[in-house]
Amino acid sequence: MSSPETPREPACAPRPPAPSDPLPALSAGVRAAPTRRRGRRNAAAVVAAGAAVAGVAVWTGALAPTPTARGAAPLVAAALRGRAPPAPSGPPPERVTLTADDEDIAPATLDEQRRRLFGAMRRELALSDEAMRRVEEIFAASPVLGQGNPALTRHPMSRSECRRIRTLSGVAPAREPACGAPGMVPLFDPTRGQTRESARVCIDQLEFPNIPCEYPVVHVRAREAALLCRAIGKRICDAHEWEGACAGALREPDVEYEWERPRDEASWHHNLLREKVWSYGPEKNHALCGTGSSRTPGCPGGGWDRCGSNTYPAGAFPACRSSLGVFDLHGNVAEHMSLPILPGELARRGDRGFTEMKGSWFAFSSMDVHADDCRWRAPDWHGTRLMSKSSHANYHLGFRCCKDVGPP
């Protein structure tokens, strides 16, 4: 079986344009990233709804009232039902003005895009020279790995607008000493009395590169995702770890996998018995996450030269967050991870599992093609061994990393 959005046709496989069929040319200079009105409206609605859910008072005067912002009123009302609005005390906070900066200028070429991405990783992740060397080698071996085809990609929200939303909502990257890396949170099961102090694994809060308001890396094969995680001292996540991060409770592998069953039978059985929850709560609500973007006109379901990666900046939707502190598990990009069939294939024991894809992506509000609740497992779409050189990649597919922090 294949996903409607990730078909098996050759068009899905990322490929560079042939010399006889070059990409559409851009101007010699850089071009300003388009800031679509839809993105601003989504931002206003999400700030209002996210702040209300969190019980945070924010000043949104800088965001002009729009139909979409007004559409968030039911979410706000539901969150505040039964509570009188707080009385104003003192002058409102100073307005935050959106100011475009150099990071809002879209790169004209893939090489320029990569240079800027590597610079952000050095600056924000404090990676060693050796780690960055390995990262750059993995990118250099691919003709398409990056943040989307610059000739086609049109992001619906700028980095600076994302930063404004996060500032208004009081969102900041986690700093957990036990995780040993910025922007990671511990995974554990509070329903069994576990705490973050007893956690043995951490997960990135955001999609790779795990930098707030940076666009996710896409057109990445499962093999490349696993190699990139290893290059920076982490590893690819197992399916049950992603599910636990989303649902707010990490269960033991022996509970989450049926080692004696074939994959298709085990996934069917798992889906039949699963609880249905989303990272943000028990009811599905695409509006809380980065699902309101659109596909490139004429995109057939895959292909570097036909489909732009029209993603949002990572972490731009404060309400799209799990109780364990993990963002964008729905919307923005679907994610690679490892599915072990035998206990020895758990990712902490090496990259020996099979490919698995989870989550939904940036256009899911208009093309809801499969379930995206936390513990749903996909059929065997484009199934290979994780480290196969022919493992799948696509314009809406990224990943995030996990990290072991104690003895298994």
Protein backbone atom coordinates (compact mmCIF):
# COMPACT_ATOMS: atom_id res chain seq x y z
CA MET A 1 0.00 0.00 0.00
CA SER A 2 1.25 3.50 -0.67
CA SER A 3 0.33 6.90 0.68
CA PRO A 4 -1.66 9.15 -1.70
CA GLU A 5 0.99 11.78 -1.10
CA THR A 6 4.01 9.51 -1.26
CA PRO A 7 3.33 7.24 -4.26
CA ARG A 8 5.80 4.68 -5.51
CA GLU A 9 6.09 6.30 -8.91
CA PRO A 10 9.57 7.48 -9.90
CA ALA A 11 8.35 11.08 -9.64
CA CYS A 12 8.68 10.78 -5.88
CA ALA A 13 12.38 10.12 -5.92
CA PRO A 14 14.36 13.31 -5.47
CA ARG A 15 16.44 14.00 -8.53
CA PRO A 16 18.35 17.01 -9.75
CA PRO A 17 17.29 18.52 -13.07
CA ALA A 18 19.12 17.13 -16.08
CA PRO A 19 21.62 19.49 -17.73
CA SER A 20 19.26 19.69 -20.68
CA ASP A 21 16.35 20.65 -18.45
CA PRO A 22 17.62 23.28 -16.00
CA LEU A 23 15.59 24.66 -13.13
CA PRO A 24 13.73 27.91 -13.78
CA ALA A 25 16.25 30.71 -13.47
CA LEU A 26 16.04 33.26 -10.70
CA SER A 27 17.41 36.75 -10.81
CA ALA A 28 21.12 37.12 -10.16
CA GLY A 29 20.40 38.82 -6.85
CA VAL A 30 18.59 37.44 -3.85
CA ARG A 31 14.83 37.76 -3.73
CA ALA A 32 12.73 38.76 -0.81
CA ALA A 33 10.74 35.91 0.70
CA PRO A 34 7.05 36.49 0.04
CA THR A 35 5.10 37.06 3.23
CA ARG A 36 1.66 35.84 2.38
CA ARG A 37 -1.34 37.36 3.95
CA ARG A 38 -2.53 33.88 4.87
CA GLY A 39 0.59 33.35 6.97
CA ARG A 40 -0.03 36.55 8.95
CA ARG A 41 -3.63 35.60 9.57
CA ASN A 42 -2.65 32.15 10.72
CA ALA A 43 -0.07 33.70 13.03
CA ALA A 44 -2.63 35.99 14.64
CA ALA A 45 -5.09 33.16 15.19
CA VAL A 46 -2.50 30.79 16.62
CA VAL A 47 -1.03 33.38 18.99
CA ALA A 48 -4.49 34.16 20.33
CA ALA A 49 -5.58 30.54 20.61
CA GLY A 50 -2.27 29.27 21.95
CA ALA A 51 -2.04 31.99 24.57
CA ALA A 52 -5.61 31.36 25.69
CA VAL A 53 -5.03 27.64 26.05
CA ALA A 54 -1.88 28.30 28.05
CA GLY A 55 -3.59 30.93 30.19
CA VAL A 56 -1.09 33.56 29.06
CA ALA A 57 -2.12 37.15 28.47
CA VAL A 58 -0.41 38.55 25.39
CA TRP A 59 -0.55 41.89 23.62
CA THR A 60 -1.56 41.30 20.04
CA GLY A 61 -2.24 44.86 19.02
CA ALA A 62 0.48 44.60 16.38
CA LEU A 63 -1.54 41.91 14.65
CA ALA A 64 -4.38 43.52 12.73
CA PRO A 65 -7.81 41.86 13.18
CA THR A 66 -8.52 39.53 10.27
CA PRO A 67 -11.24 37.00 9.45
CA THR A 68 -8.93 34.15 10.43
CA ALA A 69 -7.99 35.83 13.69
CA ARG A 70 -11.67 36.31 14.44
CA GLY A 71 -12.15 32.65 13.55
CA ALA A 72 -9.95 31.75 16.50
CA ALA A 73 -12.48 33.29 18.87
CA PRO A 74 -14.30 29.97 19.51
CA LEU A 75 -10.99 28.39 20.55
CA VAL A 76 -10.28 31.26 22.89
CA ALA A 77 -13.81 31.19 24.25
CA ALA A 78 -13.63 27.45 24.87
CA ALA A 79 -10.34 27.79 26.71
CA LEU A 80 -11.65 30.62 28.89
CA ARG A 81 -15.20 29.31 29.41
CA GLY A 82 -16.28 29.78 32.96
CA ARG A 83 -13.62 32.38 33.72
CA ALA A 84 -14.18 36.10 33.81
CA PRO A 85 -11.74 38.07 31.68
CA PRO A 86 -8.90 39.49 33.76
CA ALA A 87 -9.13 43.16 34.58
CA PRO A 88 -6.46 45.25 32.87
CA SER A 89 -3.66 46.34 35.16
CA GLY A 90 -1.34 49.09 34.06
CA PRO A 91 -0.36 49.99 30.51
CA PRO A 92 -0.15 47.22 27.91
CA PRO A 93 3.26 45.83 27.01
CA GLU A 94 5.11 47.51 24.21
CA ARG A 95 4.08 46.36 20.77
CA VAL A 96 6.43 44.05 18.89
CA THR A 97 6.98 45.32 15.37
CA LEU A 98 7.75 42.87 12.61
CA THR A 99 11.03 43.88 11.03
CA ALA A 100 12.35 41.98 8.07
CA ASP A 101 15.99 41.04 8.38
CA ASP A 102 18.61 39.30 6.33
CA GLU A 103 17.23 35.90 7.32
CA ASP A 104 13.94 36.75 5.59
CA ILE A 105 15.63 37.07 2.21
CA ALA A 106 15.21 33.78 0.37
CA PRO A 107 18.42 32.24 -1.01
CA ALA A 108 18.62 32.01 -4.78
CA THR A 109 20.50 28.70 -4.91
CA LEU A 110 20.75 25.45 -2.98
CA ASP A 111 24.41 26.15 -2.18
CA GLU A 112 23.51 29.51 -0.63
CA GLN A 113 20.67 27.90 1.30
CA ARG A 114 23.02 25.29 2.70
CA ARG A 115 25.69 27.84 3.69
CA ARG A 116 23.13 29.78 5.69
CA LEU A 117 21.80 26.62 7.30
CA PHE A 118 25.29 25.49 8.33
CA GLY A 119 25.98 28.93 9.78
CA ALA A 120 22.80 28.75 11.87
CA MET A 121 23.73 25.27 13.11
CA ARG A 122 27.19 26.41 14.19
CA ARG A 123 25.75 29.46 15.89
CA GLU A 124 22.73 27.93 17.61
CA LEU A 125 23.76 24.33 18.33
CA ALA A 126 27.38 24.86 19.41
CA LEU A 127 28.53 21.94 17.26
CA SER A 128 32.19 21.06 17.00
CA ASP A 129 34.17 21.56 13.81
CA GLU A 130 34.31 17.79 13.38
CA ALA A 131 30.53 17.42 13.75
CA MET A 132 29.92 20.16 11.19
CA ARG A 133 32.42 18.56 8.83
CA ARG A 134 30.45 15.31 8.95
CA VAL A 135 27.16 17.16 8.47
CA GLU A 136 28.46 19.03 5.45
CA GLU A 137 29.79 15.81 3.90
CA ILE A 138 26.35 14.20 4.14
CA PHE A 139 24.72 17.20 2.47
CA ALA A 140 27.41 17.35 -0.22
CA ALA A 141 26.72 13.74 -1.20
CA SER A 142 23.12 14.61 -2.11
CA PRO A 143 22.06 16.81 -5.05
CA VAL A 144 18.81 17.87 -3.33
CA LEU A 145 19.17 17.68 0.48
CA GLY A 146 18.26 21.02 2.06
CA GLN A 147 15.23 23.14 2.96
CA GLY A 148 13.45 22.79 -0.36
CA ASN A 149 14.04 23.69 -4.01
CA PRO A 150 14.73 27.47 -3.91
CA ALA A 151 13.18 27.91 -7.36
CA LEU A 152 9.81 26.52 -6.23
CA THR A 153 9.54 26.83 -2.47
CA ARG A 154 7.34 29.62 -1.10
CA HIS A 155 7.23 29.64 2.69
CA PRO A 156 3.93 30.97 4.11
CA MET A 157 5.62 32.57 7.12
CA SER A 158 8.93 34.36 7.59
CA ARG A 159 11.48 33.60 10.28
CA SER A 160 11.01 37.03 11.85
CA GLU A 161 7.26 36.55 12.11
CA CYS A 162 7.87 33.19 13.80
CA ARG A 163 10.17 34.86 16.31
CA ARG A 164 7.52 37.45 17.05
CA ILE A 165 4.90 34.76 17.67
CA ARG A 166 7.19 32.88 20.03
CA THR A 167 8.09 36.06 21.90
CA LEU A 168 4.44 37.02 22.36
CA SER A 169 3.64 33.52 23.60
CA GLY A 170 6.61 33.29 25.96
CA VAL A 171 8.03 30.20 24.23
CA ALA A 172 11.73 29.45 24.66
CA PRO A 173 13.88 26.39 23.86
CA ALA A 174 14.21 23.84 26.65
CA ARG A 175 17.49 23.70 28.52
CA GLU A 176 17.63 20.31 30.18
CA PRO A 177 21.12 19.55 31.53
CA ALA A 178 20.40 15.81 31.50
CA CYS A 179 19.86 15.89 27.73
CA GLY A 180 23.28 17.39 27.04
CA ALA A 181 22.11 19.42 24.04
CA PRO A 182 19.98 22.54 23.56
CA GLY A 183 16.33 22.21 22.62
CA MET A 184 15.85 18.62 23.81
CA VAL A 185 13.35 17.31 26.36
CA PRO A 186 13.26 14.04 28.35
CA LEU A 187 10.81 11.27 27.46
CA PHE A 188 9.14 9.33 30.27
CA ASP A 189 5.76 7.97 31.36
CA PRO A 190 4.10 10.09 34.05
CA THR A 191 1.20 7.59 34.22
CA ARG A 192 3.63 5.11 35.80
CA GLY A 193 5.13 7.60 38.23
CA GLN A 194 8.19 8.34 36.12
CA THR A 195 9.73 11.81 36.09
CA ARG A 196 12.08 13.71 33.81
CA GLU A 197 14.90 12.88 36.23
CA SER A 198 14.41 9.16 35.56
CA ALA A 199 14.29 9.55 31.78
CA ARG A 200 16.73 7.51 29.71
CA VAL A 201 16.11 9.21 26.36
CA CYS A 202 15.60 12.77 25.13
CA ILE A 203 14.04 14.03 21.89
CA ASP A 204 14.43 17.21 19.85
CA GLN A 205 11.66 19.70 20.43
CA LEU A 206 11.68 20.66 16.75
CA GLU A 207 12.30 19.08 13.38
CA PHE A 208 15.91 18.97 12.23
CA PRO A 209 17.99 21.11 12.52
CA ASN A 210 16.10 21.72 15.80
CA ILE A 211 16.54 25.50 15.66
CA PRO A 212 13.56 27.72 16.54
CA CYS A 213 12.11 29.49 13.50
CA GLU A 214 14.41 27.68 11.05
CA TYR A 215 12.81 25.79 8.16
CA PRO A 216 12.98 21.97 8.41
CA VAL A 217 15.40 19.96 6.30
CA VAL A 218 13.56 17.98 3.59
CA HIS A 219 14.29 15.77 0.57
CA VAL A 220 16.17 13.64 3.09
CA ARG A 221 16.41 9.87 2.83
CA ALA A 222 15.91 7.79 5.98
CA ARG A 223 19.56 6.76 5.72
CA GLU A 224 20.69 10.40 5.57
CA ALA A 225 18.47 11.26 8.54
CA ALA A 226 20.08 8.51 10.63
CA LEU A 227 23.58 9.61 9.56
CA LEU A 228 22.89 13.27 10.35
CA CYS A 229 21.63 12.40 13.82
CA ARG A 230 24.77 10.33 14.46
CA ALA A 231 26.98 13.13 13.13
CA ILE A 232 25.79 15.49 15.88
CA GLY A 233 25.93 12.96 18.72
CA LYS A 234 22.32 11.76 18.59
CA ARG A 235 20.40 9.00 16.80
CA ILE A 236 17.21 8.51 14.83
CA CYS A 237 14.09 7.98 16.97
CA ASP A 238 12.18 4.71 17.19
CA ALA A 239 8.48 4.79 16.31
CA HIS A 240 7.37 4.27 19.92
CA GLU A 241 9.57 7.16 21.10
CA TRP A 242 7.96 9.57 18.64
CA GLU A 243 4.53 8.26 19.65
CA GLY A 244 5.32 8.70 23.35
CA ALA A 245 6.64 12.23 22.81
CA CYS A 246 3.38 13.05 21.03
CA ALA A 247 0.93 11.33 23.40
CA GLY A 248 2.74 12.50 26.54
CA ALA A 249 3.75 9.06 27.84
CA LEU A 250 6.66 6.91 26.67
CA ARG A 251 5.81 3.25 27.00
CA GLU A 252 8.20 0.33 27.11
CA PRO A 253 9.16 -1.29 23.77
CA ASP A 254 7.77 -4.66 24.83
CA VAL A 255 4.37 -3.00 25.26
CA GLU A 256 4.50 -1.05 22.00
CA TYR A 257 5.80 -3.76 19.65
CA GLU A 258 4.57 -7.27 18.95
CA TRP A 259 7.85 -8.96 18.25
CA GLU A 260 6.28 -12.22 17.10
CA ARG A 261 4.08 -10.74 14.35
CA PRO A 262 4.93 -9.70 10.76
CA ARG A 263 5.08 -5.93 10.30
CA ASP A 264 1.76 -5.43 8.48
CA GLU A 265 -0.09 -7.63 10.95
CA ALA A 266 1.55 -5.98 13.96
CA SER A 267 0.77 -2.45 12.69
CA TRP A 268 -2.85 -3.39 12.00
CA HIS A 269 -3.23 -4.82 15.49
CA HIS A 270 -1.50 -1.81 17.04
CA ASN A 271 -3.78 0.65 15.22
CA LEU A 272 -6.90 -1.30 16.17
CA LEU A 273 -6.15 -1.06 19.90
CA ARG A 274 -4.49 2.36 20.06
CA GLU A 275 -5.74 5.35 22.00
CA LYS A 276 -6.54 8.30 19.75
CA VAL A 277 -4.98 11.53 20.97
CA TRP A 278 -3.11 14.39 19.38
CA SER A 279 -0.12 16.19 20.84
CA TYR A 280 -2.28 19.19 21.77
CA GLY A 281 -5.23 17.23 23.20
CA PRO A 282 -7.93 14.59 22.75
CA GLU A 283 -9.73 16.25 19.81
CA LYS A 284 -8.35 16.78 16.31
CA ASN A 285 -7.83 20.44 15.39
CA HIS A 286 -5.61 21.14 12.39
CA ALA A 287 -5.83 24.89 13.01
CA LEU A 288 -3.48 24.60 16.00
CA CYS A 289 -0.57 23.35 13.86
CA GLY A 290 1.28 24.24 10.67
CA THR A 291 -1.17 22.64 8.24
CA GLY A 292 -2.52 25.69 6.37
CA SER A 293 0.09 26.02 3.64
CA SER A 294 -0.40 24.70 0.10
CA ARG A 295 1.27 22.51 -2.47
CA THR A 296 2.98 23.92 -5.51
CA PRO A 297 0.49 24.02 -8.40
CA GLY A 298 1.03 20.97 -10.57
CA CYS A 299 2.93 19.02 -7.90
CA PRO A 300 2.16 15.36 -8.68
CA GLY A 301 2.91 14.07 -5.17
CA GLY A 302 6.69 14.22 -5.23
CA GLY A 303 9.78 15.40 -7.03
CA TRP A 304 12.49 18.02 -6.49
CA ASP A 305 11.71 19.80 -9.75
CA ARG A 306 7.91 19.79 -9.36
CA CYS A 307 7.14 20.35 -5.68
CA GLY A 308 8.19 23.21 -3.43
CA SER A 309 8.70 22.56 0.28
CA ASN A 310 6.28 25.26 1.44
CA THR A 311 6.96 24.72 5.13
CA TYR A 312 6.53 26.95 8.15
CA PRO A 313 9.41 27.91 10.44
CA ALA A 314 9.80 25.25 13.14
CA GLY A 315 8.06 26.03 16.43
CA ALA A 316 5.86 28.80 14.97
CA PHE A 317 2.67 27.30 16.44
CA PRO A 318 2.89 27.47 20.26
CA ALA A 319 -0.34 25.50 20.77
CA CYS A 320 0.94 22.62 18.61
CA ARG A 321 2.89 21.17 21.51
CA SER A 322 2.75 17.96 23.51
CA SER A 323 2.62 17.78 27.30
CA LEU A 324 6.28 16.69 27.23
CA GLY A 325 7.25 19.88 25.39
CA VAL A 326 7.65 18.65 21.78
CA PHE A 327 6.41 20.85 18.90
CA ASP A 328 5.17 20.28 15.34
CA LEU A 329 4.38 16.59 15.65
CA HIS A 330 1.45 17.38 13.35
CA GLY A 331 1.86 19.63 10.34
CA ASN A 332 4.95 21.22 8.83
CA VAL A 333 6.78 18.03 7.74
CA ALA A 334 6.12 14.33 8.13
CA GLU A 335 9.03 12.59 9.85
CA HIS A 336 11.36 9.65 9.30
CA MET A 337 12.02 7.27 12.15
CA SER A 338 13.01 3.65 12.71
CA LEU A 339 10.58 0.77 13.17
CA PRO A 340 12.20 -2.23 14.90
CA ILE A 341 10.79 -5.66 14.09
CA LEU A 342 13.02 -7.48 16.60
CA PRO A 343 14.34 -6.24 19.98
CA GLY A 344 17.87 -6.09 18.59
CA GLU A 345 16.72 -3.51 16.01
CA LEU A 346 15.88 -0.79 18.56
CA ALA A 347 17.69 2.39 17.52
CA ARG A 348 19.70 2.58 20.73
CA ARG A 349 21.41 -0.63 19.54
CA GLY A 350 22.25 0.74 16.11
CA ASP A 351 20.43 1.76 12.95
CA ARG A 352 19.11 -1.71 12.11
CA GLY A 353 15.36 -1.13 11.88
CA PHE A 354 13.03 -0.45 8.97
CA THR A 355 11.71 2.83 7.63
CA GLU A 356 8.64 4.44 9.20
CA MET A 357 7.02 7.82 8.55
CA LYS A 358 4.84 9.69 11.02
CA GLY A 359 2.88 12.89 11.41
CA SER A 360 1.21 15.09 8.83
CA TRP A 361 2.55 17.98 6.78
CA PHE A 362 2.11 21.61 5.82
CA ALA A 363 -0.90 21.22 3.46
CA PHE A 364 -2.86 18.75 5.59
CA SER A 365 -5.79 21.11 6.23
CA SER A 366 -6.75 20.74 2.58
CA MET A 367 -5.60 17.16 1.96
CA ASP A 368 -6.20 15.07 5.07
CA VAL A 369 -5.16 11.79 3.45
CA HIS A 370 -4.51 9.59 6.49
CA ALA A 371 -4.78 9.56 10.25
CA ASP A 372 -2.21 11.65 12.12
CA ASP A 373 -3.04 10.95 15.75
CA CYS A 374 -0.09 10.25 17.98
CA ARG A 375 -0.05 6.45 18.11
CA TRP A 376 -1.24 5.68 14.56
CA ARG A 377 1.28 3.68 12.54
CA ALA A 378 1.49 3.98 8.78
CA PRO A 379 1.31 1.00 6.46
CA ASP A 380 4.52 -0.20 4.90
CA TRP A 381 4.95 2.85 2.62
CA HIS A 382 8.18 2.79 0.60
CA GLY A 383 9.46 0.24 3.10
CA THR A 384 13.18 -0.51 3.17
CA ARG A 385 15.81 -1.04 5.78
CA LEU A 386 16.54 2.26 7.48
CA MET A 387 20.10 2.37 6.13
CA SER A 388 19.25 1.39 2.57
CA LYS A 389 20.71 3.79 0.02
CA SER A 390 17.36 3.69 -1.76
CA SER A 391 15.31 4.69 1.29
CA HIS A 392 12.55 7.17 0.56
CA ALA A 393 12.72 10.98 0.40
CA ASN A 394 10.21 13.66 -0.55
CA TYR A 395 9.48 17.38 -0.46
CA HIS A 396 7.28 17.17 2.67
CA LEU A 397 9.38 14.66 4.60
CA GLY A 398 11.89 15.55 7.32
CA PHE A 399 12.95 14.10 10.69
CA ARG A 400 14.05 14.83 14.24
CA CYS A 401 16.62 13.14 16.48
CA CYS A 402 16.66 11.36 19.83
CA LYS A 403 19.50 10.88 22.30
CA ASP A 404 20.20 8.23 24.93
CA VAL A 405 21.06 9.77 28.29
CA GLY A 406 21.44 6.76 30.56
CA PRO A 407 21.86 2.99 30.56
CA PRO A 408 19.05 1.14 28.72
